[in-house]
Structures are given as structure tokens and as C-alpha cells.
N, C-alpha and C. Protein backbone atom coordinates (compact mmCIF):
# COMPACT_ATOMS: atom_id res chain seq x y z
N MET A 1 144.76 41.01 114.90
CA MET A 1 145.74 41.16 115.96
C MET A 1 145.26 42.09 117.03
N SER A 2 145.17 41.80 118.26
CA SER A 2 144.66 42.73 119.27
C SER A 2 145.71 43.36 120.14
N MET A 3 146.97 43.01 119.93
CA MET A 3 148.01 43.65 120.77
C MET A 3 148.37 45.03 120.20
N HIS A 4 147.51 45.92 120.50
CA HIS A 4 147.86 47.37 120.10
C HIS A 4 148.63 47.98 121.31
N THR A 5 149.42 48.98 120.94
CA THR A 5 149.98 49.77 121.96
C THR A 5 148.96 50.80 122.31
N PRO A 6 149.05 51.52 123.52
CA PRO A 6 148.04 52.48 123.80
C PRO A 6 147.89 53.50 122.77
N LYS A 7 148.91 53.94 122.08
CA LYS A 7 148.85 54.95 121.07
C LYS A 7 148.13 54.45 119.81
N GLN A 8 148.31 53.21 119.56
CA GLN A 8 147.62 52.59 118.35
C GLN A 8 146.16 52.43 118.66
N ALA A 9 145.85 52.00 119.90
CA ALA A 9 144.51 51.78 120.25
C ALA A 9 143.65 52.99 120.24
N SER A 10 144.33 54.13 120.74
CA SER A 10 143.58 55.32 120.86
C SER A 10 143.49 56.12 119.53
N SER A 11 144.28 55.70 118.64
CA SER A 11 144.15 56.53 117.32
C SER A 11 143.30 55.78 116.31
N SER A 12 142.56 54.76 116.79
CA SER A 12 141.77 53.99 115.74
C SER A 12 140.61 54.89 115.19
N ALA A 13 140.09 55.87 115.99
CA ALA A 13 139.07 56.69 115.52
C ALA A 13 139.52 57.50 114.36
N LEU A 14 140.83 57.67 114.21
CA LEU A 14 141.24 58.53 113.12
C LEU A 14 141.61 57.65 111.82
N ASP A 15 141.43 56.38 111.97
CA ASP A 15 141.57 55.44 110.86
C ASP A 15 140.63 55.76 109.72
N PRO A 16 141.09 55.86 108.39
CA PRO A 16 140.20 56.21 107.39
C PRO A 16 139.00 55.20 107.27
N VAL A 17 139.16 53.89 107.59
CA VAL A 17 138.04 52.96 107.53
C VAL A 17 137.05 53.38 108.60
N TYR A 18 137.46 53.69 109.71
CA TYR A 18 136.60 54.00 110.90
C TYR A 18 135.78 55.33 110.54
N ARG A 19 136.59 56.31 110.01
CA ARG A 19 135.89 57.64 109.75
C ARG A 19 134.88 57.39 108.57
N ALA A 20 135.27 56.74 107.56
CA ALA A 20 134.25 56.51 106.50
C ALA A 20 133.06 55.80 106.97
N SER A 21 133.18 54.80 107.77
CA SER A 21 132.10 53.93 108.28
C SER A 21 131.18 54.81 109.08
N GLU A 22 131.75 55.61 109.91
CA GLU A 22 130.89 56.45 110.81
C GLU A 22 130.03 57.56 110.02
N VAL A 23 130.69 58.01 108.88
CA VAL A 23 130.05 59.01 108.21
C VAL A 23 128.81 58.29 107.29
N ILE A 24 129.17 57.11 106.73
CA ILE A 24 128.18 56.43 106.01
C ILE A 24 127.04 56.02 106.88
N PHE A 25 127.31 55.55 108.06
CA PHE A 25 126.28 55.19 109.07
C PHE A 25 125.41 56.43 109.44
N GLY A 26 125.98 57.51 109.68
CA GLY A 26 125.27 58.76 110.06
C GLY A 26 124.36 59.13 108.87
N LEU A 27 124.97 59.02 107.63
CA LEU A 27 124.29 59.49 106.44
C LEU A 27 123.06 58.62 106.18
N LEU A 28 123.26 57.33 106.30
CA LEU A 28 122.11 56.47 106.17
C LEU A 28 121.01 56.68 107.14
N MET A 29 121.39 57.05 108.39
CA MET A 29 120.45 57.23 109.44
C MET A 29 119.62 58.44 109.11
N ALA A 30 120.26 59.56 108.62
CA ALA A 30 119.60 60.75 108.24
C ALA A 30 118.63 60.50 107.02
N MET A 31 119.20 59.81 106.10
CA MET A 31 118.37 59.65 104.86
C MET A 31 117.14 58.63 105.18
N SER A 32 117.14 57.83 106.20
CA SER A 32 116.01 57.09 106.60
C SER A 32 114.90 57.98 106.97
N PHE A 33 115.20 59.16 107.55
CA PHE A 33 114.15 60.17 107.93
C PHE A 33 113.76 60.88 106.70
N ILE A 34 114.70 61.40 105.91
CA ILE A 34 114.60 62.27 104.80
C ILE A 34 113.69 61.49 103.69
N GLY A 35 113.93 60.15 103.59
CA GLY A 35 113.30 59.37 102.71
C GLY A 35 111.78 59.19 102.92
N SER A 36 111.37 59.55 104.15
CA SER A 36 109.93 59.57 104.50
C SER A 36 109.23 60.86 104.14
N ILE A 37 109.98 61.89 103.61
CA ILE A 37 109.37 63.06 103.24
C ILE A 37 108.70 62.77 101.82
N SER A 38 107.46 63.14 101.72
CA SER A 38 106.75 63.04 100.38
C SER A 38 107.03 64.23 99.53
N VAL A 39 107.09 63.96 98.22
CA VAL A 39 107.27 64.99 97.30
C VAL A 39 106.09 66.00 97.46
N ALA A 40 104.92 65.42 97.77
CA ALA A 40 103.62 66.20 97.79
C ALA A 40 103.49 66.83 99.15
N THR A 41 104.51 66.81 100.09
CA THR A 41 104.38 67.47 101.41
C THR A 41 104.14 68.95 101.19
N ASP A 42 103.14 69.44 101.85
CA ASP A 42 102.83 70.93 101.67
C ASP A 42 103.34 71.67 102.77
N GLY A 43 103.32 71.16 103.99
CA GLY A 43 103.66 72.00 105.18
C GLY A 43 105.20 72.01 105.47
N ARG A 44 105.75 73.16 105.52
CA ARG A 44 107.13 73.33 105.86
C ARG A 44 107.34 72.89 107.35
N GLU A 45 106.36 72.93 108.16
CA GLU A 45 106.43 72.55 109.55
C GLU A 45 106.68 70.96 109.58
N GLU A 46 105.98 70.20 108.79
CA GLU A 46 106.22 68.83 108.75
C GLU A 46 107.64 68.46 108.23
N VAL A 47 108.09 69.13 107.17
CA VAL A 47 109.54 68.89 106.80
C VAL A 47 110.39 69.32 107.90
N ARG A 48 110.22 70.37 108.64
CA ARG A 48 110.99 70.78 109.71
C ARG A 48 111.08 69.84 110.83
N THR A 49 109.97 69.17 111.10
CA THR A 49 109.87 68.17 112.15
C THR A 49 110.70 66.96 111.77
N LEU A 50 110.58 66.46 110.59
CA LEU A 50 111.36 65.36 110.06
C LEU A 50 112.88 65.61 110.12
N LEU A 51 113.30 66.77 109.78
CA LEU A 51 114.71 67.17 109.76
C LEU A 51 115.19 67.28 111.26
N VAL A 52 114.52 67.87 112.10
CA VAL A 52 114.86 67.84 113.51
C VAL A 52 114.97 66.42 114.06
N ALA A 53 114.06 65.54 113.66
CA ALA A 53 114.05 64.18 114.10
C ALA A 53 115.31 63.52 113.58
N ALA A 54 115.69 63.77 112.31
CA ALA A 54 116.86 63.23 111.84
C ALA A 54 118.19 63.61 112.58
N LEU A 55 118.22 64.84 112.87
CA LEU A 55 119.27 65.42 113.67
C LEU A 55 119.38 64.75 115.08
N GLY A 56 118.10 64.81 115.70
CA GLY A 56 118.07 64.19 117.06
C GLY A 56 118.49 62.68 117.07
N CYS A 57 118.13 61.98 115.98
CA CYS A 57 118.51 60.55 115.93
C CYS A 57 119.95 60.38 115.87
N ASN A 58 120.65 61.16 114.99
CA ASN A 58 122.05 61.13 114.79
C ASN A 58 122.82 61.49 116.06
N LEU A 59 122.23 62.50 116.73
CA LEU A 59 122.85 62.94 117.98
C LEU A 59 122.80 61.70 118.99
N ALA A 60 121.70 61.05 119.09
CA ALA A 60 121.60 59.92 120.00
C ALA A 60 122.54 58.79 119.56
N TRP A 61 122.51 58.48 118.27
CA TRP A 61 123.47 57.35 117.81
C TRP A 61 124.86 57.75 117.86
N GLY A 62 125.20 59.10 117.64
CA GLY A 62 126.57 59.49 117.72
C GLY A 62 127.04 59.28 119.19
N LEU A 63 126.16 59.59 120.17
CA LEU A 63 126.45 59.38 121.56
C LEU A 63 126.71 57.95 121.86
N VAL A 64 125.82 57.04 121.33
CA VAL A 64 125.93 55.60 121.57
C VAL A 64 127.30 55.09 121.04
N ASP A 65 127.59 55.50 119.75
CA ASP A 65 128.81 55.06 119.11
C ASP A 65 130.06 55.53 119.93
N ALA A 66 130.01 56.77 120.42
CA ALA A 66 131.12 57.34 121.24
C ALA A 66 131.40 56.45 122.46
N VAL A 67 130.26 56.20 123.23
CA VAL A 67 130.37 55.49 124.44
C VAL A 67 130.88 54.04 124.13
N MET A 68 130.33 53.38 123.05
CA MET A 68 130.71 52.06 122.80
C MET A 68 132.19 51.98 122.33
N PHE A 69 132.64 53.04 121.67
CA PHE A 69 134.14 53.22 121.30
C PHE A 69 134.99 53.14 122.63
N LEU A 70 134.51 53.88 123.62
CA LEU A 70 135.30 53.87 124.83
C LEU A 70 135.34 52.58 125.65
N VAL A 71 134.12 51.86 125.40
CA VAL A 71 134.00 50.63 126.10
C VAL A 71 134.91 49.65 125.40
N GLY A 72 135.11 49.83 124.03
CA GLY A 72 135.99 48.85 123.22
C GLY A 72 137.44 49.15 123.57
N ILE A 73 137.70 50.52 123.76
CA ILE A 73 139.10 50.81 124.04
C ILE A 73 139.47 50.37 125.44
N LYS A 74 138.58 50.54 126.41
CA LYS A 74 138.83 50.12 127.77
C LYS A 74 139.05 48.55 127.74
N THR A 75 138.23 47.84 127.04
CA THR A 75 138.32 46.46 127.11
C THR A 75 139.64 45.96 126.43
N GLU A 76 140.03 46.57 125.37
CA GLU A 76 141.30 46.25 124.60
C GLU A 76 142.50 46.54 125.49
N LYS A 77 142.52 47.84 126.14
CA LYS A 77 143.61 48.11 127.04
C LYS A 77 143.85 47.21 128.23
N ARG A 78 142.58 46.74 128.77
CA ARG A 78 142.69 45.89 129.85
C ARG A 78 143.21 44.51 129.41
N ARG A 79 142.75 44.06 128.23
CA ARG A 79 143.28 42.78 127.70
C ARG A 79 144.79 42.87 127.48
N ASN A 80 145.26 44.03 126.90
CA ASN A 80 146.75 44.05 126.68
C ASN A 80 147.53 44.08 128.02
N ARG A 81 146.95 44.84 128.97
CA ARG A 81 147.55 44.95 130.22
C ARG A 81 147.76 43.50 130.89
N VAL A 82 146.64 42.70 130.91
CA VAL A 82 146.67 41.45 131.47
C VAL A 82 147.74 40.52 130.74
N LEU A 83 147.78 40.66 129.34
CA LEU A 83 148.82 39.86 128.64
C LEU A 83 150.15 40.24 129.08
N LEU A 84 150.52 41.51 129.28
CA LEU A 84 151.83 41.87 129.69
C LEU A 84 152.12 41.44 131.07
N GLU A 85 151.10 41.39 131.90
CA GLU A 85 151.19 41.02 133.32
C GLU A 85 151.63 39.53 133.38
N LYS A 86 150.82 38.70 132.51
CA LYS A 86 151.15 37.32 132.39
C LYS A 86 152.53 37.00 131.87
N LEU A 87 152.98 37.79 130.88
CA LEU A 87 154.39 37.53 130.36
C LEU A 87 155.39 37.94 131.34
N HIS A 88 155.09 39.03 132.12
CA HIS A 88 156.09 39.42 133.07
C HIS A 88 156.16 38.46 134.24
N GLY A 89 155.09 37.87 134.51
CA GLY A 89 154.97 36.92 135.74
C GLY A 89 155.34 35.50 135.56
N SER A 90 155.73 35.12 134.33
CA SER A 90 156.00 33.72 134.07
C SER A 90 157.33 33.55 133.24
N ASN A 91 158.08 32.52 133.60
CA ASN A 91 159.22 32.29 132.93
C ASN A 91 159.11 31.10 131.92
N ASP A 92 157.85 30.63 131.85
CA ASP A 92 157.50 29.45 130.90
C ASP A 92 157.51 29.98 129.63
N THR A 93 158.59 29.59 128.84
CA THR A 93 158.73 30.04 127.36
C THR A 93 157.57 29.52 126.48
N ALA A 94 157.16 28.29 126.62
CA ALA A 94 156.12 27.65 125.83
C ALA A 94 154.84 28.36 126.00
N ALA A 95 154.49 28.62 127.34
CA ALA A 95 153.23 29.23 127.78
C ALA A 95 153.22 30.66 127.24
N GLY A 96 154.35 31.39 127.27
CA GLY A 96 154.37 32.68 126.80
C GLY A 96 154.15 32.84 125.29
N GLN A 97 154.80 31.92 124.63
CA GLN A 97 154.58 31.89 123.06
C GLN A 97 153.13 31.56 122.93
N ALA A 98 152.47 30.72 123.60
CA ALA A 98 151.11 30.44 123.34
C ALA A 98 150.21 31.66 123.55
N LEU A 99 150.49 32.35 124.56
CA LEU A 99 149.76 33.57 124.84
C LEU A 99 149.87 34.53 123.65
N VAL A 100 151.15 34.65 123.14
CA VAL A 100 151.41 35.68 122.02
C VAL A 100 150.64 35.16 120.87
N ALA A 101 150.75 33.77 120.51
CA ALA A 101 150.16 33.28 119.36
C ALA A 101 148.57 33.36 119.43
N ASN A 102 147.99 33.32 120.60
CA ASN A 102 146.61 33.45 120.80
C ASN A 102 146.08 34.89 120.42
N GLU A 103 146.96 35.82 120.51
CA GLU A 103 146.61 37.25 120.11
C GLU A 103 146.79 37.51 118.62
N LEU A 104 147.31 36.54 117.89
CA LEU A 104 147.54 36.73 116.47
C LEU A 104 146.61 35.89 115.63
N SER A 105 146.45 36.29 114.39
CA SER A 105 145.68 35.46 113.49
C SER A 105 146.40 34.09 113.23
N ILE A 106 145.71 33.00 113.00
CA ILE A 106 146.33 31.71 112.78
C ILE A 106 147.38 31.75 111.69
N PRO A 107 147.16 32.38 110.46
CA PRO A 107 148.20 32.40 109.47
C PRO A 107 149.43 33.16 109.85
N LEU A 108 149.30 34.37 110.65
CA LEU A 108 150.37 35.16 110.98
C LEU A 108 151.15 34.38 112.09
N ALA A 109 150.51 33.75 113.01
CA ALA A 109 151.26 33.03 114.00
C ALA A 109 151.98 31.91 113.41
N ALA A 110 151.36 31.23 112.51
CA ALA A 110 152.10 30.07 111.71
C ALA A 110 153.30 30.60 110.94
N SER A 111 153.18 31.74 110.34
CA SER A 111 154.30 32.32 109.56
C SER A 111 155.41 32.71 110.34
N LEU A 112 155.15 33.20 111.62
CA LEU A 112 156.24 33.57 112.54
C LEU A 112 157.11 32.42 112.98
N GLY A 113 156.40 31.30 113.19
CA GLY A 113 157.09 30.14 113.78
C GLY A 113 157.46 30.25 115.13
N GLU A 114 158.15 29.19 115.76
CA GLU A 114 158.49 29.26 117.15
C GLU A 114 159.54 30.42 117.39
N GLN A 115 160.54 30.61 116.54
CA GLN A 115 161.53 31.64 116.79
C GLN A 115 160.91 33.04 116.64
N GLY A 116 160.01 33.30 115.81
CA GLY A 116 159.39 34.60 115.72
C GLY A 116 158.49 34.90 116.90
N LEU A 117 157.79 33.84 117.37
CA LEU A 117 156.96 34.00 118.54
C LEU A 117 157.74 34.25 119.81
N GLU A 118 158.91 33.60 119.83
CA GLU A 118 159.76 33.79 120.95
C GLU A 118 160.39 35.16 121.03
N GLN A 119 160.75 35.74 119.80
CA GLN A 119 161.28 37.12 119.79
C GLN A 119 160.18 38.12 120.25
N MET A 120 158.96 37.90 119.75
CA MET A 120 157.85 38.79 120.08
C MET A 120 157.53 38.67 121.57
N ARG A 121 157.61 37.47 122.14
CA ARG A 121 157.40 37.23 123.58
C ARG A 121 158.52 37.98 124.36
N GLN A 122 159.65 37.93 124.08
CA GLN A 122 160.74 38.59 124.75
C GLN A 122 160.52 40.17 124.78
N ARG A 123 160.13 40.65 123.58
CA ARG A 123 159.93 42.04 123.35
C ARG A 123 158.83 42.55 124.22
N LEU A 124 157.69 41.81 124.26
CA LEU A 124 156.53 42.19 125.14
C LEU A 124 156.85 42.12 126.54
N ALA A 125 157.57 41.08 126.90
CA ALA A 125 157.97 40.87 128.27
C ALA A 125 158.86 42.01 128.84
N ALA A 126 159.57 42.67 127.93
CA ALA A 126 160.54 43.72 128.26
C ALA A 126 159.73 45.04 128.32
N VAL A 127 158.55 45.12 127.90
CA VAL A 127 157.76 46.34 127.92
C VAL A 127 157.30 46.73 129.35
N PRO A 128 157.68 47.86 129.86
CA PRO A 128 157.26 48.19 131.22
C PRO A 128 155.75 48.25 131.28
N LEU A 129 155.23 47.71 132.42
CA LEU A 129 153.76 47.78 132.63
C LEU A 129 153.14 49.19 132.59
N ALA A 130 154.04 50.18 133.00
CA ALA A 130 153.59 51.50 133.01
C ALA A 130 153.19 52.03 131.65
N LEU A 131 153.75 51.53 130.59
CA LEU A 131 153.53 51.90 129.26
C LEU A 131 152.20 51.33 128.67
N SER A 132 151.54 50.38 129.51
CA SER A 132 150.25 49.88 129.02
C SER A 132 149.20 50.00 130.02
N PRO A 133 148.84 51.20 130.32
CA PRO A 133 147.83 51.57 131.39
C PRO A 133 146.42 51.03 130.80
N ALA A 134 145.60 50.66 131.74
CA ALA A 134 144.23 50.13 131.43
C ALA A 134 143.19 51.15 131.46
N ARG A 135 143.54 52.31 131.84
CA ARG A 135 142.44 53.41 132.00
C ARG A 135 142.30 54.18 130.71
N ILE A 136 141.12 54.86 130.68
CA ILE A 136 140.80 55.73 129.51
C ILE A 136 141.70 57.02 129.73
N ASN A 137 142.24 57.50 128.60
CA ASN A 137 143.03 58.72 128.71
C ASN A 137 142.35 59.91 127.85
N GLY A 138 142.96 60.99 127.90
CA GLY A 138 142.49 62.14 127.24
C GLY A 138 142.35 61.98 125.67
N ARG A 139 143.28 61.24 125.11
CA ARG A 139 143.28 61.00 123.75
C ARG A 139 142.06 60.15 123.32
N ASP A 140 141.78 59.20 124.19
CA ASP A 140 140.63 58.33 123.94
C ASP A 140 139.23 59.16 124.00
N LEU A 141 139.20 60.14 124.89
CA LEU A 141 137.99 60.96 125.04
C LEU A 141 137.93 61.89 123.72
N ILE A 142 139.05 62.36 123.22
CA ILE A 142 139.04 63.17 122.02
C ILE A 142 138.56 62.33 120.87
N ASP A 143 139.02 61.09 120.68
CA ASP A 143 138.63 60.29 119.62
C ASP A 143 137.15 59.88 119.72
N ALA A 144 136.66 59.70 120.96
CA ALA A 144 135.20 59.46 121.08
C ALA A 144 134.40 60.61 120.61
N PHE A 145 134.84 61.80 121.03
CA PHE A 145 134.19 63.02 120.54
C PHE A 145 134.18 63.21 119.06
N ALA A 146 135.35 62.76 118.42
CA ALA A 146 135.44 62.79 117.03
C ALA A 146 134.44 61.93 116.32
N ILE A 147 134.24 60.72 116.95
CA ILE A 147 133.26 59.82 116.40
C ILE A 147 131.86 60.43 116.48
N PHE A 148 131.59 60.98 117.68
CA PHE A 148 130.28 61.66 117.90
C PHE A 148 129.96 62.73 116.76
N MET A 149 130.93 63.58 116.61
CA MET A 149 130.88 64.66 115.61
C MET A 149 130.76 64.05 114.16
N LEU A 150 131.43 63.02 113.80
CA LEU A 150 131.32 62.42 112.51
C LEU A 150 129.90 61.99 112.22
N VAL A 151 129.33 61.38 113.22
CA VAL A 151 127.91 60.90 112.95
C VAL A 151 126.96 62.06 112.88
N VAL A 152 127.06 63.04 113.78
CA VAL A 152 126.24 64.23 113.85
C VAL A 152 126.40 65.04 112.55
N LEU A 153 127.62 65.41 112.21
CA LEU A 153 127.87 66.27 111.11
C LEU A 153 127.43 65.68 109.74
N SER A 154 127.42 64.34 109.72
CA SER A 154 126.98 63.64 108.45
C SER A 154 125.51 63.91 108.11
N THR A 155 124.76 64.40 109.08
CA THR A 155 123.39 64.73 108.97
C THR A 155 123.21 66.04 107.98
N PHE A 156 124.12 66.94 108.14
CA PHE A 156 123.95 68.27 107.59
C PHE A 156 124.02 68.30 106.06
N PRO A 157 124.88 67.65 105.38
CA PRO A 157 124.94 67.74 103.89
C PRO A 157 123.58 67.31 103.22
N VAL A 158 122.81 66.36 103.84
CA VAL A 158 121.58 65.98 103.25
C VAL A 158 120.42 66.84 103.81
N VAL A 159 120.66 67.78 104.80
CA VAL A 159 119.64 68.59 105.22
C VAL A 159 119.69 69.85 104.62
N VAL A 160 120.90 70.37 104.32
CA VAL A 160 121.02 71.70 103.69
C VAL A 160 120.16 71.93 102.48
N PRO A 161 119.90 71.09 101.62
CA PRO A 161 118.95 71.41 100.44
C PRO A 161 117.69 71.92 100.86
N PHE A 162 117.12 71.44 102.06
CA PHE A 162 115.81 71.83 102.53
C PHE A 162 115.88 73.11 103.14
N MET A 163 117.06 73.57 103.40
CA MET A 163 117.26 74.96 104.03
C MET A 163 117.40 76.00 102.86
N LEU A 164 117.67 75.52 101.73
CA LEU A 164 117.93 76.47 100.61
C LEU A 164 116.72 76.71 99.65
N THR A 165 115.78 75.80 99.70
CA THR A 165 114.65 75.92 98.82
C THR A 165 113.36 75.46 99.54
N ASP A 166 112.20 76.06 99.15
CA ASP A 166 110.99 75.67 99.67
C ASP A 166 110.29 74.62 98.74
N ASP A 167 110.93 74.22 97.70
CA ASP A 167 110.38 73.29 96.77
C ASP A 167 110.84 71.91 97.23
N THR A 168 109.92 71.18 97.85
CA THR A 168 110.25 69.87 98.52
C THR A 168 110.84 68.93 97.49
N ALA A 169 110.22 68.83 96.31
CA ALA A 169 110.73 67.97 95.27
C ALA A 169 112.18 68.20 94.89
N ARG A 170 112.47 69.55 94.75
CA ARG A 170 113.87 69.85 94.36
C ARG A 170 114.82 69.53 95.51
N ALA A 171 114.23 69.83 96.79
CA ALA A 171 115.22 69.66 97.98
C ALA A 171 115.49 68.14 98.07
N LEU A 172 114.53 67.27 97.81
CA LEU A 172 114.64 65.81 97.92
C LEU A 172 115.64 65.37 96.84
N LEU A 173 115.58 65.81 95.66
CA LEU A 173 116.48 65.45 94.61
C LEU A 173 117.85 65.88 94.97
N LEU A 174 118.01 67.11 95.47
CA LEU A 174 119.39 67.59 95.82
C LEU A 174 120.03 66.80 96.94
N SER A 175 119.15 66.57 97.90
CA SER A 175 119.62 65.74 99.12
C SER A 175 120.04 64.39 98.68
N ARG A 176 119.31 63.78 97.88
CA ARG A 176 119.73 62.31 97.46
C ARG A 176 121.07 62.35 96.59
N LEU A 177 121.15 63.52 95.76
CA LEU A 177 122.40 63.59 95.01
C LEU A 177 123.60 63.87 95.86
N VAL A 178 123.39 64.73 96.90
CA VAL A 178 124.52 64.92 97.96
C VAL A 178 124.78 63.66 98.65
N ALA A 179 123.81 62.85 98.97
CA ALA A 179 124.02 61.62 99.72
C ALA A 179 124.89 60.69 98.79
N LEU A 180 124.57 60.55 97.53
CA LEU A 180 125.33 59.74 96.61
C LEU A 180 126.73 60.21 96.50
N ALA A 181 126.92 61.57 96.42
CA ALA A 181 128.15 62.14 96.26
C ALA A 181 129.07 61.88 97.50
N THR A 182 128.44 62.00 98.57
CA THR A 182 129.17 61.74 99.96
C THR A 182 129.51 60.23 99.97
N LEU A 183 128.63 59.35 99.52
CA LEU A 183 128.96 57.88 99.52
C LEU A 183 130.12 57.63 98.65
N PHE A 184 130.09 58.33 97.48
CA PHE A 184 131.25 58.08 96.54
C PHE A 184 132.54 58.60 97.01
N ILE A 185 132.60 59.70 97.77
CA ILE A 185 133.76 60.26 98.36
C ILE A 185 134.24 59.23 99.44
N ALA A 186 133.33 58.71 100.26
CA ALA A 186 133.66 57.67 101.34
C ALA A 186 134.39 56.55 100.58
N GLY A 187 133.79 56.00 99.56
CA GLY A 187 134.38 54.90 98.84
C GLY A 187 135.70 55.13 98.26
N ALA A 188 135.80 56.38 97.71
CA ALA A 188 137.16 56.80 97.12
C ALA A 188 138.21 56.81 98.20
N ILE A 189 137.83 57.31 99.40
CA ILE A 189 138.78 57.46 100.49
C ILE A 189 139.27 56.04 100.88
N LEU A 190 138.23 55.12 101.04
CA LEU A 190 138.68 53.73 101.38
C LEU A 190 139.54 53.08 100.29
N ALA A 191 139.25 53.38 99.05
CA ALA A 191 140.00 52.89 97.95
C ALA A 191 141.48 53.44 97.97
N ARG A 192 141.56 54.66 98.23
CA ARG A 192 142.86 55.33 98.36
C ARG A 192 143.72 54.70 99.45
N TYR A 193 143.05 54.46 100.61
CA TYR A 193 143.62 53.95 101.84
C TYR A 193 144.10 52.44 101.55
N SER A 194 143.32 51.66 100.74
CA SER A 194 143.64 50.23 100.41
C SER A 194 144.34 50.11 99.07
N SER A 195 144.66 51.21 98.46
CA SER A 195 145.39 51.17 97.08
C SER A 195 144.53 50.63 96.01
N GLY A 196 143.22 50.81 96.08
CA GLY A 196 142.23 50.34 95.09
C GLY A 196 141.88 51.32 94.11
N ASN A 197 140.98 51.02 93.19
CA ASN A 197 140.59 51.91 92.13
C ASN A 197 139.59 52.97 92.76
N ILE A 198 140.02 54.16 92.78
CA ILE A 198 139.24 55.14 93.40
C ILE A 198 137.75 55.36 92.74
N TRP A 199 137.75 55.41 91.40
CA TRP A 199 136.53 55.60 90.67
C TRP A 199 135.51 54.33 90.88
N LEU A 200 136.22 53.14 90.68
CA LEU A 200 135.35 51.94 90.84
C LEU A 200 134.73 51.76 92.17
N ASN A 201 135.65 52.02 93.18
CA ASN A 201 135.21 51.78 94.59
C ASN A 201 134.25 52.92 95.04
N GLY A 202 134.50 54.10 94.45
CA GLY A 202 133.56 55.22 94.80
C GLY A 202 132.19 54.90 94.22
N LEU A 203 132.10 54.46 93.04
CA LEU A 203 130.85 54.15 92.49
C LEU A 203 130.19 53.00 93.03
N LEU A 204 131.05 52.01 93.52
CA LEU A 204 130.50 50.81 94.18
C LEU A 204 129.86 51.17 95.49
N MET A 205 130.65 52.06 96.21
CA MET A 205 130.00 52.42 97.54
C MET A 205 128.75 53.17 97.38
N ALA A 206 128.71 54.05 96.39
CA ALA A 206 127.41 54.78 96.19
C ALA A 206 126.28 53.79 95.83
N ALA A 207 126.60 52.75 95.06
CA ALA A 207 125.58 51.82 94.70
C ALA A 207 125.14 51.03 95.98
N ILE A 208 126.10 50.66 96.74
CA ILE A 208 125.86 49.89 98.04
C ILE A 208 124.99 50.78 98.91
N GLY A 209 125.37 52.05 99.07
CA GLY A 209 124.64 52.94 99.95
C GLY A 209 123.21 53.07 99.44
N ALA A 210 122.97 53.21 98.15
CA ALA A 210 121.68 53.41 97.62
C ALA A 210 120.90 52.12 97.87
N GLY A 211 121.51 50.88 97.84
CA GLY A 211 120.86 49.59 98.06
C GLY A 211 120.49 49.52 99.50
N LEU A 212 121.36 49.95 100.43
CA LEU A 212 121.08 49.86 101.86
C LEU A 212 119.96 50.79 102.17
N MET A 213 119.96 52.06 101.52
CA MET A 213 118.91 53.04 101.75
C MET A 213 117.55 52.43 101.37
N ALA A 214 117.50 51.81 100.25
CA ALA A 214 116.25 51.18 99.76
C ALA A 214 115.86 50.04 100.74
N ALA A 215 116.79 49.25 101.28
CA ALA A 215 116.41 48.26 102.15
C ALA A 215 115.90 48.78 103.44
N ILE A 216 116.52 49.81 103.97
CA ILE A 216 116.12 50.51 105.26
C ILE A 216 114.65 50.98 105.08
N MET A 217 114.42 51.64 103.87
CA MET A 217 113.03 52.21 103.75
C MET A 217 112.00 51.07 103.52
N ALA A 218 112.40 49.98 102.85
CA ALA A 218 111.50 48.87 102.74
C ALA A 218 111.12 48.19 104.10
N LEU A 219 112.19 48.19 104.95
CA LEU A 219 111.96 47.50 106.30
C LEU A 219 111.34 48.43 107.35
N GLY A 220 110.95 49.61 106.86
CA GLY A 220 110.27 50.55 107.73
C GLY A 220 111.21 51.37 108.57
N GLY A 221 112.59 51.49 108.19
CA GLY A 221 113.50 52.25 108.99
C GLY A 221 113.35 53.76 108.77
């Protein structure tokens, strides 16, 4: 369903699914660089270069994600605004119901029936256009910044072990363990949000993340 109010649309960055997805994405991006560090690496300068590259990559992708989030919000707000304008400018009941149904999933529209669609049409037609602005607001910018920070900050947990020890093999082991723990927590958060099994989903997410990491490395990522 794409008919979000402005508040709902701008709060999507705070959704647990969105947060967990951004953290997992940033974590996998960072691990794609760290995974290229060899246990036999001798020079700290080489390790430092790779870690800086990982941070730089996540800075770039965090910026891309933030900008695309704003593009998505702008598009959704404009779509909602146009829908309200059409409902306000027409007295054709059947056409209005069709517009509302088009914004819903097929099962939901079918379950509402003609009466439910008409009630929704009337309620939407009564919403003042001023309550559905098509412009980006301050909340949207804050949410975009939150997305940027989630991607960037997800780099640090897997980088910290390299700051704590000069033993590359130990740092690699700790980094991978931290990555798995972070993936487990992300899975547990998603499970709690969807009323699933926290332990099962946490372990499943850790396994999926490990599999994705192996695929990224195998494909040269």
C-alpha cells in the first residue's frame, strides 16, 4: 500500500526492517574489504589502507542510500499528492474507488469491497491538500542522515579489532566474530519486530550473512 501520510512516509528510516537492512548492507560492504586482508599480511600500512578503503566505500554508499531515500520519499509524496488532487477534483464515485483500489494490494482491495473502498475514498477526499505536501521536509532530511550514519557506523565494529591488536590473524578472527554477532543481533531485531523466534532468526541471519559474504568474495567483491 503506497498511501502513506507524510508522517508515515518520513518515519520509514526508523522502521526496524529498514535499520537492520542498512546495517547489514554496510557490514557486508566493509567485510568485502576486510576479507581481502591476508593472514600473512606483514605491513600495517597495507592493513590500514584496506581499512580506510572500507570506510571510504561505506561513506560513499551511505551517501548514495541517503540520496535515493530522499528520491523515494519525494516520489511517494508526489504520488500521494496527485491521488488526493484527483479525489478532490472528481465526483465520479466509481473512478475514485478505482483510484483507491489501485493503491492497495489486490487481496486488501478485494477484502474491503465496494463499501470499504467508498469509505476510504470519502475519507481521503476529505483530507486537506495542505496536509499532503509534495516537498522534502526537515524530518526527511534527518531520516536520510540517519540512513547515512547507519551505513557508515556499521563499518566500525569490524574495524575495531585491527585497532586493538597488531596480530592480523587474531584481528581477522575477532572481526569475523563481531560481524557474525552483529548479523545475529540484526536477525533477532527483525524477529522481535515480526513476532518470530529470536534465536532461530538470529542464527539464520548470521548464516545468510556468512553465505552472502562468501558469495561476494567469490565474485571478486
